[in-house]
PDB file of all heavy atoms in Angstrom:
ATOM      1  N   ASP A   1       1.369   3.849  -9.682  1.00  0.00           N
ATOM      2  CA  ASP A   1       2.823   3.702  -9.963  1.00  0.00           C
ATOM      3  C   ASP A   1       3.575   4.549  -8.938  1.00  0.00           C
ATOM      4  O   ASP A   1       3.284   5.716  -8.805  1.00  0.00           O
ATOM      5  CB  ASP A   1       3.182   4.220 -11.338  1.00  0.00           C
ATOM      6  CG  ASP A   1       2.890   3.285 -12.477  1.00  0.00           C
ATOM      7  OD1 ASP A   1       3.509   2.244 -12.538  1.00  0.00           O
ATOM      8  OD2 ASP A   1       2.006   3.624 -13.242  1.00  0.00           O
ATOM      9  N   PHE A   2       4.576   3.929  -8.272  1.00  0.00           N
ATOM     10  CA  PHE A   2       5.512   4.710  -7.449  1.00  0.00           C
ATOM     11  C   PHE A   2       6.707   3.899  -7.080  1.00  0.00           C
ATOM     12  O   PHE A   2       6.725   2.690  -7.314  1.00  0.00           O
ATOM     13  CB  PHE A   2       4.837   5.245  -6.151  1.00  0.00           C
ATOM     14  CG  PHE A   2       4.524   4.231  -5.131  1.00  0.00           C
ATOM     15  CD1 PHE A   2       5.418   3.846  -4.145  1.00  0.00           C
ATOM     16  CD2 PHE A   2       3.269   3.624  -5.095  1.00  0.00           C
ATOM     17  CE1 PHE A   2       5.142   2.880  -3.168  1.00  0.00           C
ATOM     18  CE2 PHE A   2       2.948   2.663  -4.120  1.00  0.00           C
ATOM     19  CZ  PHE A   2       3.922   2.306  -3.150  1.00  0.00           C
ATOM     20  N   GLN A   3       7.785   4.511  -6.667  1.00  0.00           N
ATOM     21  CA  GLN A   3       8.981   3.796  -6.219  1.00  0.00           C
ATOM     22  C   GLN A   3       9.488   4.345  -4.872  1.00  0.00           C
ATOM     23  O   GLN A   3       9.266   5.532  -4.552  1.00  0.00           O
ATOM     24  CB  GLN A   3      10.016   3.833  -7.300  1.00  0.00           C
ATOM     25  CG  GLN A   3      10.605   5.249  -7.558  1.00  0.00           C
ATOM     26  CD  GLN A   3      11.602   5.199  -8.708  1.00  0.00           C
ATOM     27  OE1 GLN A   3      11.390   4.588  -9.763  1.00  0.00           O
ATOM     28  NE2 GLN A   3      12.724   5.976  -8.537  1.00  0.00           N
ATOM     29  N   LEU A   4      10.058   3.460  -4.147  1.00  0.00           N
ATOM     30  CA  LEU A   4      10.691   3.838  -2.851  1.00  0.00           C
ATOM     31  C   LEU A   4      12.185   3.641  -3.001  1.00  0.00           C
ATOM     32  O   LEU A   4      12.616   2.510  -3.326  1.00  0.00           O
ATOM     33  CB  LEU A   4      10.190   2.985  -1.685  1.00  0.00           C
ATOM     34  CG  LEU A   4      10.781   3.179  -0.326  1.00  0.00           C
ATOM     35  CD1 LEU A   4      10.497   4.551   0.220  1.00  0.00           C
ATOM     36  CD2 LEU A   4      10.275   2.125   0.662  1.00  0.00           C
ATOM     37  N   ASN A   5      12.938   4.707  -2.843  1.00  0.00           N
ATOM     38  CA  ASN A   5      14.386   4.630  -3.079  1.00  0.00           C
ATOM     39  C   ASN A   5      15.113   4.198  -1.795  1.00  0.00           C
ATOM     40  O   ASN A   5      14.571   4.231  -0.718  1.00  0.00           O
ATOM     41  CB  ASN A   5      14.912   5.973  -3.556  1.00  0.00           C
ATOM     42  CG  ASN A   5      14.347   6.395  -4.866  1.00  0.00           C
ATOM     43  OD1 ASN A   5      14.374   5.668  -5.834  1.00  0.00           O
ATOM     44  ND2 ASN A   5      13.686   7.570  -4.867  1.00  0.00           N
ATOM     45  N   SER A   6      16.352   3.786  -2.067  1.00  0.00           N
ATOM     46  CA  SER A   6      17.192   3.315  -0.920  1.00  0.00           C
ATOM     47  C   SER A   6      17.481   4.566   0.017  1.00  0.00           C
ATOM     48  O   SER A   6      17.654   5.696  -0.498  1.00  0.00           O
ATOM     49  CB  SER A   6      18.532   2.833  -1.452  1.00  0.00           C
ATOM     50  OG  SER A   6      19.392   2.403  -0.440  1.00  0.00           O
ATOM     51  N   ASN A   7      17.430   4.326   1.337  1.00  0.00           N
ATOM     52  CA  ASN A   7      17.666   5.399   2.294  1.00  0.00           C
ATOM     53  C   ASN A   7      16.786   6.604   2.116  1.00  0.00           C
ATOM     54  O   ASN A   7      17.220   7.716   2.143  1.00  0.00           O
ATOM     55  CB  ASN A   7      19.173   5.801   2.195  1.00  0.00           C
ATOM     56  CG  ASN A   7      19.578   6.695   3.360  1.00  0.00           C
ATOM     57  OD1 ASN A   7      18.940   6.758   4.414  1.00  0.00           O
ATOM     58  ND2 ASN A   7      20.656   7.427   3.139  1.00  0.00           N
ATOM     59  N   GLU A   8      15.441   6.384   2.006  1.00  0.00           N
ATOM     60  CA  GLU A   8      14.482   7.458   1.737  1.00  0.00           C
ATOM     61  C   GLU A   8      13.240   7.276   2.626  1.00  0.00           C
ATOM     62  O   GLU A   8      12.858   6.147   2.980  1.00  0.00           O
ATOM     63  CB  GLU A   8      14.088   7.474   0.293  1.00  0.00           C
ATOM     64  CG  GLU A   8      13.042   8.549   0.021  1.00  0.00           C
ATOM     65  CD  GLU A   8      12.490   8.410  -1.424  1.00  0.00           C
ATOM     66  OE1 GLU A   8      12.214   7.326  -1.903  1.00  0.00           O
ATOM     67  OE2 GLU A   8      12.315   9.511  -2.035  1.00  0.00           O
ATOM     68  N   ILE A   9      12.622   8.384   3.075  1.00  0.00           N
ATOM     69  CA  ILE A   9      11.362   8.378   3.699  1.00  0.00           C
ATOM     70  C   ILE A   9      10.331   8.932   2.761  1.00  0.00           C
ATOM     71  O   ILE A   9      10.405  10.056   2.354  1.00  0.00           O
ATOM     72  CB  ILE A   9      11.339   9.221   5.029  1.00  0.00           C
ATOM     73  CG1 ILE A   9      12.392   8.660   5.972  1.00  0.00           C
ATOM     74  CG2 ILE A   9       9.982   9.108   5.659  1.00  0.00           C
ATOM     75  CD1 ILE A   9      12.502   9.409   7.334  1.00  0.00           C
ATOM     76  N   LEU A  10       9.439   7.991   2.322  1.00  0.00           N
ATOM     77  CA  LEU A  10       8.350   8.411   1.438  1.00  0.00           C
ATOM     78  C   LEU A  10       7.006   8.495   2.106  1.00  0.00           C
ATOM     79  O   LEU A  10       6.600   7.527   2.801  1.00  0.00           O
ATOM     80  CB  LEU A  10       8.271   7.353   0.271  1.00  0.00           C
ATOM     81  CG  LEU A  10       7.202   7.560  -0.790  1.00  0.00           C
ATOM     82  CD1 LEU A  10       7.412   8.805  -1.595  1.00  0.00           C
ATOM     83  CD2 LEU A  10       7.118   6.330  -1.707  1.00  0.00           C
ATOM     84  N   GLY A  11       6.383   9.691   2.093  1.00  0.00           N
ATOM     85  CA  GLY A  11       5.088   9.901   2.739  1.00  0.00           C
ATOM     86  C   GLY A  11       3.977   9.627   1.843  1.00  0.00           C
ATOM     87  O   GLY A  11       4.024   9.974   0.634  1.00  0.00           O
ATOM     88  N   VAL A  12       2.907   8.875   2.291  1.00  0.00           N
ATOM     89  CA  VAL A  12       1.706   8.626   1.574  1.00  0.00           C
ATOM     90  C   VAL A  12       0.527   9.234   2.269  1.00  0.00           C
ATOM     91  O   VAL A  12       0.270   8.898   3.442  1.00  0.00           O
ATOM     92  CB  VAL A  12       1.470   7.103   1.359  1.00  0.00           C
ATOM     93  CG1 VAL A  12       0.275   6.867   0.487  1.00  0.00           C
ATOM     94  CG2 VAL A  12       2.720   6.423   0.787  1.00  0.00           C
ATOM     95  N   VAL A  13      -0.095  10.271   1.661  1.00  0.00           N
ATOM     96  CA  VAL A  13      -1.173  10.959   2.326  1.00  0.00           C
ATOM     97  C   VAL A  13      -2.479  10.838   1.512  1.00  0.00           C
ATOM     98  O   VAL A  13      -2.475  10.653   0.381  1.00  0.00           O
ATOM     99  CB  VAL A  13      -0.847  12.453   2.609  1.00  0.00           C
ATOM    100  CG1 VAL A  13       0.343  12.618   3.437  1.00  0.00           C
ATOM    101  CG2 VAL A  13      -0.594  13.124   1.280  1.00  0.00           C
ATOM    102  N   GLY A  14      -3.563  11.077   2.276  1.00  0.00           N
ATOM    103  CA  GLY A  14      -4.887  11.043   1.671  1.00  0.00           C
ATOM    104  C   GLY A  14      -5.905  10.773   2.715  1.00  0.00           C
ATOM    105  O   GLY A  14      -5.554  10.229   3.821  1.00  0.00           O
ATOM    106  N   GLU A  15      -7.151  11.045   2.520  1.00  0.00           N
ATOM    107  CA  GLU A  15      -8.145  10.855   3.538  1.00  0.00           C
ATOM    108  C   GLU A  15      -8.471   9.382   3.745  1.00  0.00           C
ATOM    109  O   GLU A  15      -8.014   8.562   2.950  1.00  0.00           O
ATOM    110  CB  GLU A  15      -9.454  11.617   3.179  1.00  0.00           C
ATOM    111  CG  GLU A  15     -10.079  11.233   1.866  1.00  0.00           C
ATOM    112  CD  GLU A  15     -11.133  12.212   1.431  1.00  0.00           C
ATOM    113  OE1 GLU A  15     -12.152  12.317   2.122  1.00  0.00           O
ATOM    114  OE2 GLU A  15     -10.983  12.844   0.347  1.00  0.00           O
ATOM    115  N   SER A  16      -9.191   9.045   4.780  1.00  0.00           N
ATOM    116  CA  SER A  16      -9.578   7.642   5.049  1.00  0.00           C
ATOM    117  C   SER A  16     -10.305   7.102   3.835  1.00  0.00           C
ATOM    118  O   SER A  16     -11.194   7.714   3.267  1.00  0.00           O
ATOM    119  CB  SER A  16     -10.477   7.586   6.215  1.00  0.00           C
ATOM    120  OG  SER A  16      -9.874   7.962   7.409  1.00  0.00           O
ATOM    121  N   GLY A  17      -9.908   5.813   3.417  1.00  0.00           N
ATOM    122  CA  GLY A  17     -10.578   5.231   2.278  1.00  0.00           C
ATOM    123  C   GLY A  17      -9.942   5.511   0.977  1.00  0.00           C
ATOM    124  O   GLY A  17     -10.464   5.096  -0.090  1.00  0.00           O
ATOM    125  N   SER A  18      -8.825   6.215   0.973  1.00  0.00           N
ATOM    126  CA  SER A  18      -8.170   6.593  -0.358  1.00  0.00           C
ATOM    127  C   SER A  18      -7.369   5.445  -0.920  1.00  0.00           C
ATOM    128  O   SER A  18      -6.919   5.537  -2.083  1.00  0.00           O
ATOM    129  CB  SER A  18      -7.330   7.839  -0.193  1.00  0.00           C
ATOM    130  OG  SER A  18      -6.343   7.620   0.762  1.00  0.00           O
ATOM    131  N   GLY A  19      -7.069   4.455  -0.079  1.00  0.00           N
ATOM    132  CA  GLY A  19      -6.359   3.294  -0.582  1.00  0.00           C
ATOM    133  C   GLY A  19      -4.950   3.147  -0.081  1.00  0.00           C
ATOM    134  O   GLY A  19      -4.188   2.282  -0.491  1.00  0.00           O
ATOM    135  N   LYS A  20      -4.567   3.944   0.930  1.00  0.00           N
ATOM    136  CA  LYS A  20      -3.172   4.002   1.456  1.00  0.00           C
ATOM    137  C   LYS A  20      -2.847   2.643   2.083  1.00  0.00           C
ATOM    138  O   LYS A  20      -1.845   1.968   1.757  1.00  0.00           O
ATOM    139  CB  LYS A  20      -3.017   5.115   2.495  1.00  0.00           C
ATOM    140  CG  LYS A  20      -3.469   6.496   2.040  1.00  0.00           C
ATOM    141  CD  LYS A  20      -3.154   7.534   3.050  1.00  0.00           C
ATOM    142  CE  LYS A  20      -3.847   7.347   4.395  1.00  0.00           C
ATOM    143  NZ  LYS A  20      -5.301   7.452   4.290  1.00  0.00           N
ATOM    144  N   SER A  21      -3.678   2.225   3.026  1.00  0.00           N
ATOM    145  CA  SER A  21      -3.381   0.929   3.801  1.00  0.00           C
ATOM    146  C   SER A  21      -3.447  -0.257   2.923  1.00  0.00           C
ATOM    147  O   SER A  21      -2.721  -1.204   3.029  1.00  0.00           O
ATOM    148  CB  SER A  21      -4.278   0.852   4.987  1.00  0.00           C
ATOM    149  OG  SER A  21      -4.030   1.895   5.934  1.00  0.00           O
ATOM    150  N   VAL A  22      -4.449  -0.253   2.020  1.00  0.00           N
ATOM    151  CA  VAL A  22      -4.655  -1.431   1.093  1.00  0.00           C
ATOM    152  C   VAL A  22      -3.408  -1.704   0.280  1.00  0.00           C
ATOM    153  O   VAL A  22      -2.875  -2.771   0.086  1.00  0.00           O
ATOM    154  CB  VAL A  22      -5.893  -1.263   0.268  1.00  0.00           C
ATOM    155  CG1 VAL A  22      -5.977  -2.274  -0.896  1.00  0.00           C
ATOM    156  CG2 VAL A  22      -7.204  -1.356   1.094  1.00  0.00           C
ATOM    157  N   SER A  23      -2.791  -0.515  -0.235  1.00  0.00           N
ATOM    158  CA  SER A  23      -1.624  -0.646  -1.063  1.00  0.00           C
ATOM    159  C   SER A  23      -0.454  -1.228  -0.275  1.00  0.00           C
ATOM    160  O   SER A  23       0.279  -2.006  -0.769  1.00  0.00           O
ATOM    161  CB  SER A  23      -1.233   0.768  -1.613  1.00  0.00           C
ATOM    162  OG  SER A  23      -2.291   1.281  -2.288  1.00  0.00           O
ATOM    163  N   SER A  24      -0.327  -0.776   1.009  1.00  0.00           N
ATOM    164  CA  SER A  24       0.761  -1.250   1.835  1.00  0.00           C
ATOM    165  C   SER A  24       0.581  -2.709   2.218  1.00  0.00           C
ATOM    166  O   SER A  24       1.553  -3.476   2.283  1.00  0.00           O
ATOM    167  CB  SER A  24       0.878  -0.413   3.092  1.00  0.00           C
ATOM    168  OG  SER A  24      -0.209  -0.608   3.957  1.00  0.00           O
ATOM    169  N   LEU A  25      -0.655  -3.173   2.426  1.00  0.00           N
ATOM    170  CA  LEU A  25      -0.914  -4.585   2.773  1.00  0.00           C
ATOM    171  C   LEU A  25      -0.594  -5.485   1.531  1.00  0.00           C
ATOM    172  O   LEU A  25      -0.076  -6.633   1.646  1.00  0.00           O
ATOM    173  CB  LEU A  25      -2.382  -4.789   3.113  1.00  0.00           C
ATOM    174  CG  LEU A  25      -2.785  -4.190   4.488  1.00  0.00           C
ATOM    175  CD1 LEU A  25      -4.295  -4.338   4.648  1.00  0.00           C
ATOM    176  CD2 LEU A  25      -2.061  -4.940   5.604  1.00  0.00           C
ATOM    177  N   ALA A  26      -0.759  -4.957   0.319  1.00  0.00           N
ATOM    178  CA  ALA A  26      -0.364  -5.697  -0.899  1.00  0.00           C
ATOM    179  C   ALA A  26       1.148  -5.893  -0.938  1.00  0.00           C
ATOM    180  O   ALA A  26       1.603  -6.963  -1.255  1.00  0.00           O
ATOM    181  CB  ALA A  26      -0.872  -4.943  -2.145  1.00  0.00           C
ATOM    182  N   ILE A  27       1.922  -4.843  -0.598  1.00  0.00           N
ATOM    183  CA  ILE A  27       3.390  -4.985  -0.584  1.00  0.00           C
ATOM    184  C   ILE A  27       3.794  -6.024   0.436  1.00  0.00           C
ATOM    185  O   ILE A  27       4.731  -6.805   0.166  1.00  0.00           O
ATOM    186  CB  ILE A  27       4.000  -3.613  -0.226  1.00  0.00           C
ATOM    187  CG1 ILE A  27       3.704  -2.586  -1.313  1.00  0.00           C
ATOM    188  CG2 ILE A  27       5.472  -3.708   0.026  1.00  0.00           C
ATOM    189  CD1 ILE A  27       3.996  -1.133  -0.939  1.00  0.00           C
ATOM    190  N   MET A  28       3.064  -6.139   1.587  1.00  0.00           N
ATOM    191  CA  MET A  28       3.439  -7.148   2.598  1.00  0.00           C
ATOM    192  C   MET A  28       2.853  -8.519   2.297  1.00  0.00           C
ATOM    193  O   MET A  28       3.138  -9.452   3.080  1.00  0.00           O
ATOM    194  CB  MET A  28       2.888  -6.638   3.972  1.00  0.00           C
ATOM    195  CG  MET A  28       3.571  -5.380   4.545  1.00  0.00           C
ATOM    196  SD  MET A  28       5.266  -5.722   5.095  1.00  0.00           S
ATOM    197  CE  MET A  28       4.986  -6.726   6.536  1.00  0.00           C
ATOM    198  N   GLY A  29       2.050  -8.632   1.267  1.00  0.00           N
ATOM    199  CA  GLY A  29       1.414  -9.924   1.008  1.00  0.00           C
ATOM    200  C   GLY A  29       0.355 -10.212   2.029  1.00  0.00           C
ATOM    201  O   GLY A  29       0.110 -11.447   2.346  1.00  0.00           O
ATOM    202  N   LEU A  30      -0.321  -9.235   2.556  1.00  0.00           N
ATOM    203  CA  LEU A  30      -1.238  -9.425   3.651  1.00  0.00           C
ATOM    204  C   LEU A  30      -2.755  -9.114   3.259  1.00  0.00           C
ATOM    205  O   LEU A  30      -3.585  -9.002   4.115  1.00  0.00           O
ATOM    206  CB  LEU A  30      -0.899  -8.592   4.851  1.00  0.00           C
ATOM    207  CG  LEU A  30       0.367  -8.979   5.586  1.00  0.00           C
ATOM    208  CD1 LEU A  30       0.701  -7.926   6.688  1.00  0.00           C
ATOM    209  CD2 LEU A  30       0.217 -10.322   6.268  1.00  0.00           C
ATOM    210  N   LEU A  31      -2.978  -9.053   1.953  1.00  0.00           N
ATOM    211  CA  LEU A  31      -4.391  -8.763   1.533  1.00  0.00           C
ATOM    212  C   LEU A  31      -5.161 -10.048   1.818  1.00  0.00           C
ATOM    213  O   LEU A  31      -4.707 -11.162   1.656  1.00  0.00           O
ATOM    214  CB  LEU A  31      -4.434  -8.536   0.049  1.00  0.00           C
ATOM    215  CG  LEU A  31      -3.959  -7.146  -0.457  1.00  0.00           C
ATOM    216  CD1 LEU A  31      -3.947  -7.130  -1.980  1.00  0.00           C
ATOM    217  CD2 LEU A  31      -4.830  -6.033   0.049  1.00  0.00           C
ATOM    218  N   PRO A  32      -6.457  -9.827   2.347  1.00  0.00           N
ATOM    219  CA  PRO A  32      -7.263 -11.041   2.641  1.00  0.00           C
ATOM    220  C   PRO A  32      -7.533 -11.864   1.370  1.00  0.00           C
ATOM    221  O   PRO A  32      -7.956 -11.436   0.362  1.00  0.00           O
ATOM    222  CB  PRO A  32      -8.588 -10.428   3.181  1.00  0.00           C
ATOM    223  CG  PRO A  32      -8.587  -8.975   2.721  1.00  0.00           C
ATOM    224  CD  PRO A  32      -7.132  -8.607   2.631  1.00  0.00           C
ATOM    225  N   LYS A  33      -7.187 -13.187   1.517  1.00  0.00           N
ATOM    226  CA  LYS A  33      -7.203 -14.088   0.364  1.00  0.00           C
ATOM    227  C   LYS A  33      -8.498 -14.220  -0.381  1.00  0.00           C
ATOM    228  O   LYS A  33      -8.553 -14.165  -1.569  1.00  0.00           O
ATOM    229  CB  LYS A  33      -6.635 -15.485   0.752  1.00  0.00           C
ATOM    230  CG  LYS A  33      -5.226 -15.519   1.350  1.00  0.00           C
ATOM    231  CD  LYS A  33      -4.235 -15.222   0.332  1.00  0.00           C
ATOM    232  CE  LYS A  33      -2.818 -15.230   0.912  1.00  0.00           C
ATOM    233  NZ  LYS A  33      -1.858 -14.524   0.128  1.00  0.00           N
ATOM    234  N   ARG A  34      -9.552 -14.550   0.309  1.00  0.00           N
ATOM    235  CA  ARG A  34     -10.796 -14.872  -0.376  1.00  0.00           C
ATOM    236  C   ARG A  34     -11.575 -13.697  -0.886  1.00  0.00           C
ATOM    237  O   ARG A  34     -12.417 -13.894  -1.740  1.00  0.00           O
ATOM    238  CB  ARG A  34     -11.687 -15.655   0.641  1.00  0.00           C
ATOM    239  CG  ARG A  34     -11.144 -17.073   0.937  1.00  0.00           C
ATOM    240  CD  ARG A  34     -12.170 -17.914   1.659  1.00  0.00           C
ATOM    241  NE  ARG A  34     -11.700 -19.223   2.012  1.00  0.00           N
ATOM    242  CZ  ARG A  34     -11.153 -19.525   3.237  1.00  0.00           C
ATOM    243  NH1 ARG A  34     -11.162 -18.590   4.121  1.00  0.00           N
ATOM    244  NH2 ARG A  34     -10.727 -20.749   3.484  1.00  0.00           N
ATOM    245  N   ILE A  35     -11.330 -12.499  -0.423  1.00  0.00           N
ATOM    246  CA  ILE A  35     -12.176 -11.415  -0.840  1.00  0.00           C
ATOM    247  C   ILE A  35     -11.354 -10.326  -1.607  1.00  0.00           C
ATOM    248  O   ILE A  35     -11.982  -9.294  -1.950  1.00  0.00           O
ATOM    249  CB  ILE A  35     -12.879 -10.725   0.398  1.00  0.00           C
ATOM    250  CG1 ILE A  35     -11.853 -10.258   1.398  1.00  0.00           C
ATOM    251  CG2 ILE A  35     -13.851 -11.698   1.019  1.00  0.00           C
ATOM    252  CD1 ILE A  35     -12.417  -9.274   2.438  1.00  0.00           C
ATOM    253  N   SER A  36     -10.108 -10.530  -1.864  1.00  0.00           N
ATOM    254  CA  SER A  36      -9.333  -9.536  -2.621  1.00  0.00           C
ATOM    255  C   SER A  36      -8.532 -10.174  -3.740  1.00  0.00           C
ATOM    256  O   SER A  36      -8.284 -11.345  -3.773  1.00  0.00           O
ATOM    257  CB  SER A  36      -8.392  -8.776  -1.645  1.00  0.00           C
ATOM    258  OG  SER A  36      -7.401  -9.703  -1.164  1.00  0.00           O
ATOM    259  N   SER A  37      -8.186  -9.290  -4.678  1.00  0.00           N
ATOM    260  CA  SER A  37      -7.446  -9.808  -5.865  1.00  0.00           C
ATOM    261  C   SER A  37      -6.577  -8.662  -6.389  1.00  0.00           C
ATOM    262  O   SER A  37      -7.019  -7.583  -6.551  1.00  0.00           O
ATOM    263  CB  SER A  37      -8.417 -10.313  -6.914  1.00  0.00           C
ATOM    264  OG  SER A  37      -7.810 -10.476  -8.154  1.00  0.00           O
ATOM    265  N   ILE A  38      -5.284  -9.049  -6.687  1.00  0.00           N
ATOM    266  CA  ILE A  38      -4.394  -8.096  -7.426  1.00  0.00           C
ATOM    267  C   ILE A  38      -4.673  -8.454  -8.883  1.00  0.00           C
ATOM    268  O   ILE A  38      -4.199  -9.473  -9.389  1.00  0.00           O
ATOM    269  CB  ILE A  38      -2.941  -8.286  -7.062  1.00  0.00           C
ATOM    270  CG1 ILE A  38      -2.698  -7.866  -5.580  1.00  0.00           C
ATOM    271  CG2 ILE A  38      -2.063  -7.491  -7.998  1.00  0.00           C
ATOM    272  CD1 ILE A  38      -1.285  -8.054  -5.093  1.00  0.00           C
TER     273      ILE A  38
END
C-alpha cells in the first residue's frame, strides 16, 4: 500500500530483488503477460 501525491518526489529504496521495479512495471501496465499475474 502506498500513494504518490501531486507535486511530490517519492523515493523507493531496497536491495536488488526487493520488488521495486516489478511494482513500477505494474503501474505502467508492462508486466510480462504470460508469466505474471496481479
